[in-house]
């Protein structure tokens, strides 16, 4: 074989060898990246195994891990909770049936006249699709929500709702707190962790649901639409400014000293079931915040925007198990 032929064969073998080495290097890099990715997706499970559940989605596992670690280090004394009520602390479904929200409690009641139920249902059917529409901006939704709440409140006043009837209406309603909610309330109270319940619902009904199905404690504050009764206990209006889904950053709590008084509680867990709930804690001076969203329905449509906005998304779960597991970890239990 001549030198030229030997040289060409050597060069050919070298090219093949270089190609194989290149492919091997790329394969090792892919395996390494995959290993890091796998480690990243389960990084929070070492602290809270419940975060590995299939119905729990985490946008940035490393961020969640670090936030929980900081909260563990600081403990109860620096923690505060801000939570929505309807579909967040209360269930979306119970035994396969959709549960009542605050406003639904009145619609379900035999105490209320038929015209109220018909008109309230018509209002809900008109405005709910608009509230959850992805084609409308928040700015476009705000006047629609004001229309809805104004019409609903005016309709209630036509029915001469009495203060005493609220107890019975809640008792007979399908409203249910999430499984584990009583433990959640009691544990926060035991450790004197402030809980702000921020709701666009009806404050009187929220208080009554919690009183009947769990316990109201002195560390709990409810900011909502509270009914105003006359001396005979008849509904004559609502107190203060209206709270709807998309103005939870503008209410009196943000103008008050609530968050200022809690500035040493620099770790905050926010619980909500809608994108409007993300603004509940605006004004709070915090170092670390975990935003946890309950995705109760229309998962295929809503999962991406929820994942883009919340740190943790809990899908179609009627319990507080994941939240309680995080709380136990923070408290070192």
C-alpha atoms as a PDB file:
ATOM      1  CA  UNK A   1       0.000   0.000   0.000  1.00  0.00           C
ATOM      2  CA  UNK A   2       1.439   3.354  -0.936  1.00  0.00           C
ATOM      3  CA  UNK A   3       1.995   6.151   1.574  1.00  0.00           C
ATOM      4  CA  UNK A   4      -0.792   8.214   0.088  1.00  0.00           C
ATOM      5  CA  UNK A   5      -3.315   5.412   0.591  1.00  0.00           C
ATOM      6  CA  UNK A   6      -2.079   4.790   4.168  1.00  0.00           C
ATOM      7  CA  UNK A   7      -2.410   8.490   4.930  1.00  0.00           C
ATOM      8  CA  UNK A   8      -5.950   8.606   3.589  1.00  0.00           C
ATOM      9  CA  UNK A   9      -6.943   5.526   5.644  1.00  0.00           C
ATOM     10  CA  UNK A  10      -5.431   7.055   8.785  1.00  0.00           C
ATOM     11  CA  UNK A  11      -7.235  10.336   8.143  1.00  0.00           C
ATOM     12  CA  UNK A  12     -10.505   8.442   7.589  1.00  0.00           C
ATOM     13  CA  UNK A  13     -10.130   6.500  10.840  1.00  0.00           C
ATOM     14  CA  UNK A  14      -9.297   9.733  12.667  1.00  0.00           C
ATOM     15  CA  UNK A  15     -12.418  11.421  11.306  1.00  0.00           C
ATOM     16  CA  UNK A  16     -14.574   8.484  12.411  1.00  0.00           C
ATOM     17  CA  UNK A  17     -12.895   8.511  15.833  1.00  0.00           C
ATOM     18  CA  UNK A  18     -13.397  12.267  16.206  1.00  0.00           C
ATOM     19  CA  UNK A  19     -17.029  11.891  15.200  1.00  0.00           C
ATOM     20  CA  UNK A  20     -17.571   9.140  17.780  1.00  0.00           C
ATOM     21  CA  UNK A  21     -15.854  11.179  20.484  1.00  0.00           C
ATOM     22  CA  UNK A  22     -18.002  14.180  19.578  1.00  0.00           C
ATOM     23  CA  UNK A  23     -21.191  12.127  19.744  1.00  0.00           C
ATOM     24  CA  UNK A  24     -20.092  10.598  23.062  1.00  0.00           C
ATOM     25  CA  UNK A  25     -19.405  14.052  24.469  1.00  0.00           C
ATOM     26  CA  UNK A  26     -22.844  15.285  23.386  1.00  0.00           C
ATOM     27  CA  UNK A  27     -24.463  12.199  24.912  1.00  0.00           C
ATOM     28  CA  UNK A  28     -22.687  12.772  28.218  1.00  0.00           C
ATOM     29  CA  UNK A  29     -23.793  16.401  28.183  1.00  0.00           C
ATOM     30  CA  UNK A  30     -27.417  15.413  27.551  1.00  0.00           C
ATOM     31  CA  UNK A  31     -27.299  12.833  30.344  1.00  0.00           C
ATOM     32  CA  UNK A  32     -25.813  15.428  32.664  1.00  0.00           C
ATOM     33  CA  UNK A  33     -28.502  17.989  31.799  1.00  0.00           C
ATOM     34  CA  UNK A  34     -31.233  15.406  32.220  1.00  0.00           C
ATOM     35  CA  UNK A  35     -29.805  14.442  35.604  1.00  0.00           C
ATOM     36  CA  UNK A  36     -29.794  18.069  36.712  1.00  0.00           C
ATOM     37  CA  UNK A  37     -33.327  18.526  35.431  1.00  0.00           C
ATOM     38  CA  UNK A  38     -34.550  15.440  37.273  1.00  0.00           C
ATOM     39  CA  UNK A  39     -32.834  16.631  40.419  1.00  0.00           C
ATOM     40  CA  UNK A  40     -34.416  20.061  39.993  1.00  0.00           C
ATOM     41  CA  UNK A  41     -37.971  18.775  39.615  1.00  0.00           C
ATOM     42  CA  UNK A  42     -37.721  16.775  42.819  1.00  0.00           C
ATOM     43  CA  UNK A  43     -35.587  19.191  44.784  1.00  0.00           C
ATOM     44  CA  UNK A  44     -38.529  20.271  46.953  1.00  0.00           C
ATOM     45  CA  UNK A  45     -39.631  16.711  47.724  1.00  0.00           C
ATOM     46  CA  UNK A  46     -36.764  16.298  50.191  1.00  0.00           C
ATOM     47  CA  UNK A  47     -38.430  18.950  52.339  1.00  0.00           C
ATOM     48  CA  UNK A  48     -42.094  18.328  51.504  1.00  0.00           C
ATOM     49  CA  UNK A  49     -42.821  14.916  49.888  1.00  0.00           C
ATOM     50  CA  UNK A  50     -46.385  16.040  49.084  1.00  0.00           C
ATOM     51  CA  UNK A  51     -44.947  18.398  46.467  1.00  0.00           C
ATOM     52  CA  UNK A  52     -44.076  15.322  44.383  1.00  0.00           C
ATOM     53  CA  UNK A  53     -47.779  14.466  43.917  1.00  0.00           C
ATOM     54  CA  UNK A  54     -48.954  14.325  40.304  1.00  0.00           C
ATOM     55  CA  UNK A  55     -51.588  16.976  40.908  1.00  0.00           C
ATOM     56  CA  UNK A  56     -49.006  19.483  42.187  1.00  0.00           C
ATOM     57  CA  UNK A  57     -47.200  21.659  39.634  1.00  0.00           C
ATOM     58  CA  UNK A  58     -44.135  23.742  40.483  1.00  0.00           C
ATOM     59  CA  UNK A  59     -42.830  26.430  38.159  1.00  0.00           C
ATOM     60  CA  UNK A  60     -39.368  26.791  39.716  1.00  0.00           C
ATOM     61  CA  UNK A  61     -38.523  23.986  42.185  1.00  0.00           C
ATOM     62  CA  UNK A  62     -35.260  25.593  43.241  1.00  0.00           C
ATOM     63  CA  UNK A  63     -37.048  28.850  44.156  1.00  0.00           C
ATOM     64  CA  UNK A  64     -39.676  26.948  46.159  1.00  0.00           C
ATOM     65  CA  UNK A  65     -36.976  24.967  47.961  1.00  0.00           C
ATOM     66  CA  UNK A  66     -35.054  28.077  48.948  1.00  0.00           C
ATOM     67  CA  UNK A  67     -38.207  29.883  50.081  1.00  0.00           C
ATOM     68  CA  UNK A  68     -39.251  26.964  52.295  1.00  0.00           C
ATOM     69  CA  UNK A  69     -35.731  26.663  53.723  1.00  0.00           C
ATOM     70  CA  UNK A  70     -35.706  30.364  54.645  1.00  0.00           C
ATOM     71  CA  UNK A  71     -39.157  30.043  56.232  1.00  0.00           C
ATOM     72  CA  UNK A  72     -38.002  26.974  58.174  1.00  0.00           C
ATOM     73  CA  UNK A  73     -35.052  28.927  59.508  1.00  0.00           C
ATOM     74  CA  UNK A  74     -37.251  31.852  60.599  1.00  0.00           C
ATOM     75  CA  UNK A  75     -40.103  29.718  61.964  1.00  0.00           C
ATOM     76  CA  UNK A  76     -43.555  30.817  63.091  1.00  0.00           C
ATOM     77  CA  UNK A  77     -42.534  34.196  64.473  1.00  0.00           C
ATOM     78  CA  UNK A  78     -41.842  35.631  60.997  1.00  0.00           C
ATOM     79  CA  UNK A  79     -44.657  33.960  59.072  1.00  0.00           C
ATOM     80  CA  UNK A  80     -48.017  35.367  57.939  1.00  0.00           C
ATOM     81  CA  UNK A  81     -50.751  33.963  55.669  1.00  0.00           C
ATOM     82  CA  UNK A  82     -53.015  35.806  53.226  1.00  0.00           C
ATOM     83  CA  UNK A  83     -55.827  33.693  51.772  1.00  0.00           C
ATOM     84  CA  UNK A  84     -58.876  34.003  49.582  1.00  0.00           C
ATOM     85  CA  UNK A  85     -62.003  32.206  50.842  1.00  0.00           C
ATOM     86  CA  UNK A  86     -64.339  30.901  48.101  1.00  0.00           C
ATOM     87  CA  UNK A  87     -62.801  27.899  46.294  1.00  0.00           C
ATOM     88  CA  UNK A  88     -59.563  28.438  48.279  1.00  0.00           C
ATOM     89  CA  UNK A  89     -60.315  27.788  51.936  1.00  0.00           C
ATOM     90  CA  UNK A  90     -63.697  26.427  50.898  1.00  0.00           C
ATOM     91  CA  UNK A  91     -64.223  23.477  48.559  1.00  0.00           C
ATOM     92  CA  UNK A  92     -65.087  23.629  44.888  1.00  0.00           C
ATOM     93  CA  UNK A  93     -66.703  20.185  45.008  1.00  0.00           C
ATOM     94  CA  UNK A  94     -67.823  17.811  47.758  1.00  0.00           C
ATOM     95  CA  UNK A  95     -68.693  14.207  46.917  1.00  0.00           C
ATOM     96  CA  UNK A  96     -68.930  15.127  43.247  1.00  0.00           C
ATOM     97  CA  UNK A  97     -71.294  18.068  43.725  1.00  0.00           C
ATOM     98  CA  UNK A  98     -70.280  21.715  43.228  1.00  0.00           C
ATOM     99  CA  UNK A  99     -70.303  23.545  46.569  1.00  0.00           C
ATOM    100  CA  UNK A 100     -71.799  26.924  47.332  1.00  0.00           C
ATOM    101  CA  UNK A 101     -69.759  30.103  47.356  1.00  0.00           C
ATOM    102  CA  UNK A 102     -70.752  32.909  49.745  1.00  0.00           C
ATOM    103  CA  UNK A 103     -73.263  34.296  47.282  1.00  0.00           C
ATOM    104  CA  UNK A 104     -74.542  30.815  46.395  1.00  0.00           C
ATOM    105  CA  UNK A 105     -75.465  30.270  50.056  1.00  0.00           C
ATOM    106  CA  UNK A 106     -78.266  32.793  49.606  1.00  0.00           C
ATOM    107  CA  UNK A 107     -79.279  31.403  46.215  1.00  0.00           C
ATOM    108  CA  UNK A 108     -79.666  27.896  47.640  1.00  0.00           C
ATOM    109  CA  UNK A 109     -81.730  28.934  50.642  1.00  0.00           C
ATOM    110  CA  UNK A 110     -85.474  28.372  50.890  1.00  0.00           C
ATOM    111  CA  UNK A 111     -85.534  31.583  52.948  1.00  0.00           C
ATOM    112  CA  UNK A 112     -84.902  33.650  49.820  1.00  0.00           C
ATOM    113  CA  UNK A 113     -87.751  34.320  47.344  1.00  0.00           C
ATOM    114  CA  UNK A 114     -87.826  32.645  43.941  1.00  0.00           C
ATOM    115  CA  UNK A 115     -87.257  35.904  42.052  1.00  0.00           C
ATOM    116  CA  UNK A 116     -83.933  36.333  43.899  1.00  0.00           C
ATOM    117  CA  UNK A 117     -82.711  32.880  42.874  1.00  0.00           C
ATOM    118  CA  UNK A 118     -83.714  33.409  39.251  1.00  0.00           C
ATOM    119  CA  UNK A 119     -82.118  36.841  38.927  1.00  0.00           C
ATOM    120  CA  UNK A 120     -78.974  35.900  40.882  1.00  0.00           C
ATOM    121  CA  UNK A 121     -78.472  32.851  38.658  1.00  0.00           C
ATOM    122  CA  UNK A 122     -78.910  35.003  35.549  1.00  0.00           C
ATOM    123  CA  UNK A 123     -76.281  37.443  36.828  1.00  0.00           C
ATOM    124  CA  UNK A 124     -73.841  34.630  37.566  1.00  0.00           C
ATOM    125  CA  UNK A 125     -74.340  33.025  34.153  1.00  0.00           C
ATOM    126  CA  UNK A 126     -73.678  36.386  32.505  1.00  0.00           C
ATOM    127  CA  UNK A 127     -70.596  37.494  34.431  1.00  0.00           C
ATOM    128  CA  UNK A 128     -68.652  34.342  35.359  1.00  0.00           C
ATOM    129  CA  UNK A 129     -67.525  33.690  31.756  1.00  0.00           C
ATOM    130  CA  UNK A 130     -66.350  37.297  31.619  1.00  0.00           C
ATOM    131  CA  UNK A 131     -64.461  36.995  34.929  1.00  0.00           C
ATOM    132  CA  UNK A 132     -62.454  34.008  33.675  1.00  0.00           C
ATOM    133  CA  UNK A 133     -62.137  35.116  30.042  1.00  0.00           C
ATOM    134  CA  UNK A 134     -58.611  35.112  28.618  1.00  0.00           C
ATOM    135  CA  UNK A 135     -59.701  37.523  25.881  1.00  0.00           C
ATOM    136  CA  UNK A 136     -60.346  40.424  28.279  1.00  0.00           C
ATOM    137  CA  UNK A 137     -57.737  42.413  30.192  1.00  0.00           C
ATOM    138  CA  UNK A 138     -58.040  43.092  33.910  1.00  0.00           C
ATOM    139  CA  UNK A 139     -58.822  46.723  33.086  1.00  0.00           C
ATOM    140  CA  UNK A 140     -61.724  45.576  30.915  1.00  0.00           C
ATOM    141  CA  UNK A 141     -62.974  43.167  33.590  1.00  0.00           C
ATOM    142  CA  UNK A 142     -63.053  45.664  36.481  1.00  0.00           C
ATOM    143  CA  UNK A 143     -66.168  47.627  35.393  1.00  0.00           C
ATOM    144  CA  UNK A 144     -67.910  44.330  34.615  1.00  0.00           C
ATOM    145  CA  UNK A 145     -67.197  43.044  38.126  1.00  0.00           C
ATOM    146  CA  UNK A 146     -68.494  46.314  39.616  1.00  0.00           C
ATOM    147  CA  UNK A 147     -71.693  45.904  37.593  1.00  0.00           C
ATOM    148  CA  UNK A 148     -72.096  42.337  38.851  1.00  0.00           C
ATOM    149  CA  UNK A 149     -71.473  43.049  42.537  1.00  0.00           C
ATOM    150  CA  UNK A 150     -73.635  46.195  42.490  1.00  0.00           C
ATOM    151  CA  UNK A 151     -76.546  44.334  40.892  1.00  0.00           C
ATOM    152  CA  UNK A 152     -76.157  41.381  43.263  1.00  0.00           C
ATOM    153  CA  UNK A 153     -76.077  43.562  46.382  1.00  0.00           C
ATOM    154  CA  UNK A 154     -79.096  45.590  45.248  1.00  0.00           C
ATOM    155  CA  UNK A 155     -80.966  42.357  44.615  1.00  0.00           C
ATOM    156  CA  UNK A 156     -80.217  41.122  48.166  1.00  0.00           C
ATOM    157  CA  UNK A 157     -81.569  44.338  49.673  1.00  0.00           C
ATOM    158  CA  UNK A 158     -84.884  43.832  47.882  1.00  0.00           C
ATOM    159  CA  UNK A 159     -85.299  40.570  49.795  1.00  0.00           C
ATOM    160  CA  UNK A 160     -85.134  42.060  53.320  1.00  0.00           C
ATOM    161  CA  UNK A 161     -82.483  39.561  54.431  1.00  0.00           C
ATOM    162  CA  UNK A 162     -82.337  39.324  58.225  1.00  0.00           C
ATOM    163  CA  UNK A 163     -79.237  38.911  60.350  1.00  0.00           C
ATOM    164  CA  UNK A 164     -80.741  35.905  62.141  1.00  0.00           C
ATOM    165  CA  UNK A 165     -81.461  34.091  58.869  1.00  0.00           C
ATOM    166  CA  UNK A 166     -77.741  33.963  57.952  1.00  0.00           C
ATOM    167  CA  UNK A 167     -77.098  31.237  60.545  1.00  0.00           C
ATOM    168  CA  UNK A 168     -79.805  28.978  59.134  1.00  0.00           C
ATOM    169  CA  UNK A 169     -78.895  29.642  55.506  1.00  0.00           C
ATOM    170  CA  UNK A 170     -75.271  28.623  56.124  1.00  0.00           C
ATOM    171  CA  UNK A 171     -76.312  25.561  58.115  1.00  0.00           C
ATOM    172  CA  UNK A 172     -78.503  24.303  55.268  1.00  0.00           C
ATOM    173  CA  UNK A 173     -76.075  25.234  52.474  1.00  0.00           C
ATOM    174  CA  UNK A 174     -73.616  23.119  50.505  1.00  0.00           C
ATOM    175  CA  UNK A 175     -70.698  25.373  51.468  1.00  0.00           C
ATOM    176  CA  UNK A 176     -67.823  23.280  52.848  1.00  0.00           C
ATOM    177  CA  UNK A 177     -64.383  24.129  54.181  1.00  0.00           C
ATOM    178  CA  UNK A 178     -61.557  22.130  52.627  1.00  0.00           C
ATOM    179  CA  UNK A 179     -60.542  18.943  54.406  1.00  0.00           C
ATOM    180  CA  UNK A 180     -57.830  19.853  56.898  1.00  0.00           C
ATOM    181  CA  UNK A 181     -58.955  23.468  57.212  1.00  0.00           C
ATOM    182  CA  UNK A 182     -59.719  23.170  60.926  1.00  0.00           C
ATOM    183  CA  UNK A 183     -56.196  21.864  61.607  1.00  0.00           C
ATOM    184  CA  UNK A 184     -54.825  24.737  59.514  1.00  0.00           C
ATOM    185  CA  UNK A 185     -56.766  27.365  61.492  1.00  0.00           C
ATOM    186  CA  UNK A 186     -55.951  25.804  64.874  1.00  0.00           C
ATOM    187  CA  UNK A 187     -52.251  25.423  64.078  1.00  0.00           C
ATOM    188  CA  UNK A 188     -51.914  29.031  62.947  1.00  0.00           C
ATOM    189  CA  UNK A 189     -53.658  30.114  66.144  1.00  0.00           C
ATOM    190  CA  UNK A 190     -51.458  27.946  68.348  1.00  0.00           C
ATOM    191  CA  UNK A 191     -48.342  29.547  66.870  1.00  0.00           C
ATOM    192  CA  UNK A 192     -49.957  33.023  66.638  1.00  0.00           C
ATOM    193  CA  UNK A 193     -49.374  33.242  62.894  1.00  0.00           C
ATOM    194  CA  UNK A 194     -51.562  36.029  61.444  1.00  0.00           C
ATOM    195  CA  UNK A 195     -54.157  34.906  58.900  1.00  0.00           C
ATOM    196  CA  UNK A 196     -55.794  37.501  56.659  1.00  0.00           C
ATOM    197  CA  UNK A 197     -58.827  36.153  54.803  1.00  0.00           C
ATOM    198  CA  UNK A 198     -59.381  38.466  51.867  1.00  0.00           C
ATOM    199  CA  UNK A 199     -62.586  37.775  49.957  1.00  0.00           C
ATOM    200  CA  UNK A 200     -64.856  39.325  47.352  1.00  0.00           C
ATOM    201  CA  UNK A 201     -67.657  37.284  48.923  1.00  0.00           C
ATOM    202  CA  UNK A 202     -69.835  38.155  51.920  1.00  0.00           C
ATOM    203  CA  UNK A 203     -68.011  38.549  55.218  1.00  0.00           C
ATOM    204  CA  UNK A 204     -70.982  37.608  57.412  1.00  0.00           C
ATOM    205  CA  UNK A 205     -71.332  34.284  55.605  1.00  0.00           C
ATOM    206  CA  UNK A 206     -67.587  33.584  55.771  1.00  0.00           C
ATOM    207  CA  UNK A 207     -67.617  34.120  59.548  1.00  0.00           C
ATOM    208  CA  UNK A 208     -70.623  31.848  59.924  1.00  0.00           C
ATOM    209  CA  UNK A 209     -69.155  29.051  57.760  1.00  0.00           C
ATOM    210  CA  UNK A 210     -65.925  29.100  59.779  1.00  0.00           C
ATOM    211  CA  UNK A 211     -67.829  29.257  63.099  1.00  0.00           C
ATOM    212  CA  UNK A 212     -70.051  26.303  62.169  1.00  0.00           C
ATOM    213  CA  UNK A 213     -67.415  24.105  60.531  1.00  0.00           C
ATOM    214  CA  UNK A 214     -64.220  25.071  62.366  1.00  0.00           C
ATOM    215  CA  UNK A 215     -63.278  27.875  64.790  1.00  0.00           C
ATOM    216  CA  UNK A 216     -62.712  31.624  64.562  1.00  0.00           C
ATOM    217  CA  UNK A 217     -59.543  32.705  66.377  1.00  0.00           C
ATOM    218  CA  UNK A 218     -58.092  36.040  67.431  1.00  0.00           C
ATOM    219  CA  UNK A 219     -55.218  35.755  64.931  1.00  0.00           C
ATOM    220  CA  UNK A 220     -57.714  35.738  62.029  1.00  0.00           C
ATOM    221  CA  UNK A 221     -58.901  38.871  60.221  1.00  0.00           C
ATOM    222  CA  UNK A 222     -61.574  38.865  57.507  1.00  0.00           C
ATOM    223  CA  UNK A 223     -61.666  41.617  54.906  1.00  0.00           C
ATOM    224  CA  UNK A 224     -64.757  41.220  52.753  1.00  0.00           C
ATOM    225  CA  UNK A 225     -68.156  42.700  51.891  1.00  0.00           C
ATOM    226  CA  UNK A 226     -69.911  42.876  55.257  1.00  0.00           C
ATOM    227  CA  UNK A 227     -73.647  43.407  55.443  1.00  0.00           C
ATOM    228  CA  UNK A 228     -75.084  46.461  57.189  1.00  0.00           C
ATOM    229  CA  UNK A 229     -78.228  45.801  59.249  1.00  0.00           C
ATOM    230  CA  UNK A 230     -80.663  48.256  60.800  1.00  0.00           C
ATOM    231  CA  UNK A 231     -81.805  48.201  64.434  1.00  0.00           C
ATOM    232  CA  UNK A 232     -84.342  45.487  63.588  1.00  0.00           C
ATOM    233  CA  UNK A 233     -81.707  43.248  62.017  1.00  0.00           C
ATOM    234  CA  UNK A 234     -82.784  43.846  58.407  1.00  0.00           C
ATOM    235  CA  UNK A 235     -80.244  44.269  55.594  1.00  0.00           C
ATOM    236  CA  UNK A 236     -79.989  47.900  54.472  1.00  0.00           C
ATOM    237  CA  UNK A 237     -76.710  47.806  52.538  1.00  0.00           C
ATOM    238  CA  UNK A 238     -73.036  46.903  52.759  1.00  0.00           C
ATOM    239  CA  UNK A 239     -70.285  48.471  54.837  1.00  0.00           C
ATOM    240  CA  UNK A 240     -67.254  50.210  53.385  1.00  0.00           C
ATOM    241  CA  UNK A 241     -65.918  49.942  49.875  1.00  0.00           C
ATOM    242  CA  UNK A 242     -66.983  47.154  47.548  1.00  0.00           C
ATOM    243  CA  UNK A 243     -64.512  44.300  47.171  1.00  0.00           C
ATOM    244  CA  UNK A 244     -64.587  42.382  43.907  1.00  0.00           C
ATOM    245  CA  UNK A 245     -62.225  39.895  42.293  1.00  0.00           C
ATOM    246  CA  UNK A 246     -59.901  42.452  40.730  1.00  0.00           C
ATOM    247  CA  UNK A 247     -59.535  45.195  43.340  1.00  0.00           C
ATOM    248  CA  UNK A 248     -58.041  43.219  46.181  1.00  0.00           C
ATOM    249  CA  UNK A 249     -55.006  45.491  46.077  1.00  0.00           C
ATOM    250  CA  UNK A 250     -57.043  48.674  46.555  1.00  0.00           C
ATOM    251  CA  UNK A 251     -59.150  47.952  49.627  1.00  0.00           C
ATOM    252  CA  UNK A 252     -58.980  49.563  53.047  1.00  0.00           C
ATOM    253  CA  UNK A 253     -56.568  46.937  54.350  1.00  0.00           C
ATOM    254  CA  UNK A 254     -53.909  48.383  52.051  1.00  0.00           C
ATOM    255  CA  UNK A 255     -54.610  51.891  53.321  1.00  0.00           C
ATOM    256  CA  UNK A 256     -54.532  50.744  56.939  1.00  0.00           C
ATOM    257  CA  UNK A 257     -51.565  49.800  59.070  1.00  0.00           C
ATOM    258  CA  UNK A 258     -52.310  46.038  58.888  1.00  0.00           C
ATOM    259  CA  UNK A 259     -49.228  45.097  56.871  1.00  0.00           C
ATOM    260  CA  UNK A 260     -47.101  47.733  58.610  1.00  0.00           C
ATOM    261  CA  UNK A 261     -47.904  46.149  61.975  1.00  0.00           C
ATOM    262  CA  UNK A 262     -46.776  42.816  60.538  1.00  0.00           C
ATOM    263  CA  UNK A 263     -43.542  44.007  58.947  1.00  0.00           C
ATOM    264  CA  UNK A 264     -41.550  41.706  61.243  1.00  0.00           C
ATOM    265  CA  UNK A 265     -43.553  38.817  59.718  1.00  0.00           C
ATOM    266  CA  UNK A 266     -41.396  39.000  56.623  1.00  0.00           C
ATOM    267  CA  UNK A 267     -42.317  35.566  55.238  1.00  0.00           C
ATOM    268  CA  UNK A 268     -45.696  35.289  53.538  1.00  0.00           C
ATOM    269  CA  UNK A 269     -47.722  32.436  52.051  1.00  0.00           C
ATOM    270  CA  UNK A 270     -50.472  33.554  49.678  1.00  0.00           C
ATOM    271  CA  UNK A 271     -53.366  31.208  48.880  1.00  0.00           C
ATOM    272  CA  UNK A 272     -55.825  31.862  46.049  1.00  0.00           C
ATOM    273  CA  UNK A 273     -57.837  30.283  43.265  1.00  0.00           C
ATOM    274  CA  UNK A 274     -57.851  33.102  40.702  1.00  0.00           C
ATOM    275  CA  UNK A 275     -55.270  35.385  39.130  1.00  0.00           C
ATOM    276  CA  UNK A 276     -56.963  38.332  40.835  1.00  0.00           C
ATOM    277  CA  UNK A 277     -55.927  36.877  44.204  1.00  0.00           C
ATOM    278  CA  UNK A 278     -52.276  37.462  43.385  1.00  0.00           C
ATOM    279  CA  UNK A 279     -52.670  41.129  44.320  1.00  0.00           C
ATOM    280  CA  UNK A 280     -54.028  40.514  47.834  1.00  0.00           C
ATOM    281  CA  UNK A 281     -50.656  40.983  49.517  1.00  0.00           C
ATOM    282  CA  UNK A 282     -49.571  44.132  47.705  1.00  0.00           C
ATOM    283  CA  UNK A 283     -48.243  46.491  50.332  1.00  0.00           C
ATOM    284  CA  UNK A 284     -46.819  43.743  52.526  1.00  0.00           C
ATOM    285  CA  UNK A 285     -43.122  44.222  53.244  1.00  0.00           C
ATOM    286  CA  UNK A 286     -41.827  40.688  52.869  1.00  0.00           C
ATOM    287  CA  UNK A 287     -38.512  39.006  52.161  1.00  0.00           C
ATOM    288  CA  UNK A 288     -39.864  35.670  50.968  1.00  0.00           C
ATOM    289  CA  UNK A 289     -43.274  34.874  49.502  1.00  0.00           C
ATOM    290  CA  UNK A 290     -44.784  31.612  48.271  1.00  0.00           C
ATOM    291  CA  UNK A 291     -47.822  31.988  46.005  1.00  0.00           C
ATOM    292  CA  UNK A 292     -49.978  28.856  46.006  1.00  0.00           C
ATOM    293  CA  UNK A 293     -52.880  28.559  43.580  1.00  0.00           C
ATOM    294  CA  UNK A 294     -55.788  26.103  43.703  1.00  0.00           C
ATOM    295  CA  UNK A 295     -56.797  25.188  40.146  1.00  0.00           C
ATOM    296  CA  UNK A 296     -60.276  23.745  40.556  1.00  0.00           C
ATOM    297  CA  UNK A 297     -61.660  23.493  37.017  1.00  0.00           C
ATOM    298  CA  UNK A 298     -60.920  23.986  33.287  1.00  0.00           C
ATOM    299  CA  UNK A 299     -57.428  22.629  33.905  1.00  0.00           C
ATOM    300  CA  UNK A 300     -56.364  22.420  30.243  1.00  0.00           C
ATOM    301  CA  UNK A 301     -57.219  26.088  29.672  1.00  0.00           C
ATOM    302  CA  UNK A 302     -55.995  27.509  32.982  1.00  0.00           C
ATOM    303  CA  UNK A 303     -52.909  25.472  33.875  1.00  0.00           C
ATOM    304  CA  UNK A 304     -50.433  27.535  31.841  1.00  0.00           C
ATOM    305  CA  UNK A 305     -51.531  30.991  33.086  1.00  0.00           C
ATOM    306  CA  UNK A 306     -51.648  29.618  36.646  1.00  0.00           C
ATOM    307  CA  UNK A 307     -48.167  28.126  36.267  1.00  0.00           C
ATOM    308  CA  UNK A 308     -46.931  31.463  34.926  1.00  0.00           C
ATOM    309  CA  UNK A 309     -48.314  33.305  37.962  1.00  0.00           C
ATOM    310  CA  UNK A 310     -48.254  31.015  41.023  1.00  0.00           C
ATOM    311  CA  UNK A 311     -45.169  29.302  42.439  1.00  0.00           C
ATOM    312  CA  UNK A 312     -47.152  26.162  43.255  1.00  0.00           C
ATOM    313  CA  UNK A 313     -50.373  25.061  41.538  1.00  0.00           C
ATOM    314  CA  UNK A 314     -52.569  22.440  43.242  1.00  0.00           C
ATOM    315  CA  UNK A 315     -54.861  20.822  40.709  1.00  0.00           C
ATOM    316  CA  UNK A 316     -58.362  19.526  41.540  1.00  0.00           C
ATOM    317  CA  UNK A 317     -57.718  18.779  45.208  1.00  0.00           C
ATOM    318  CA  UNK A 318     -60.409  19.505  47.804  1.00  0.00           C
ATOM    319  CA  UNK A 319     -58.055  19.321  50.782  1.00  0.00           C
ATOM    320  CA  UNK A 320     -55.463  21.483  52.513  1.00  0.00           C
ATOM    321  CA  UNK A 321     -53.016  18.568  52.557  1.00  0.00           C
ATOM    322  CA  UNK A 322     -50.256  20.190  50.492  1.00  0.00           C
ATOM    323  CA  UNK A 323     -50.517  23.536  52.299  1.00  0.00           C
ATOM    324  CA  UNK A 324     -50.592  21.807  55.686  1.00  0.00           C
ATOM    325  CA  UNK A 325     -47.539  19.734  54.743  1.00  0.00           C
ATOM    326  CA  UNK A 326     -45.622  22.915  53.869  1.00  0.00           C
ATOM    327  CA  UNK A 327     -46.730  24.513  57.143  1.00  0.00           C
ATOM    328  CA  UNK A 328     -45.618  21.460  59.143  1.00  0.00           C
ATOM    329  CA  UNK A 329     -42.207  21.617  57.461  1.00  0.00           C
ATOM    330  CA  UNK A 330     -41.812  25.310  58.240  1.00  0.00           C
ATOM    331  CA  UNK A 331     -42.784  24.672  61.871  1.00  0.00           C
ATOM    332  CA  UNK A 332     -40.363  21.736  62.103  1.00  0.00           C
ATOM    333  CA  UNK A 333     -43.053  19.117  62.713  1.00  0.00           C
END
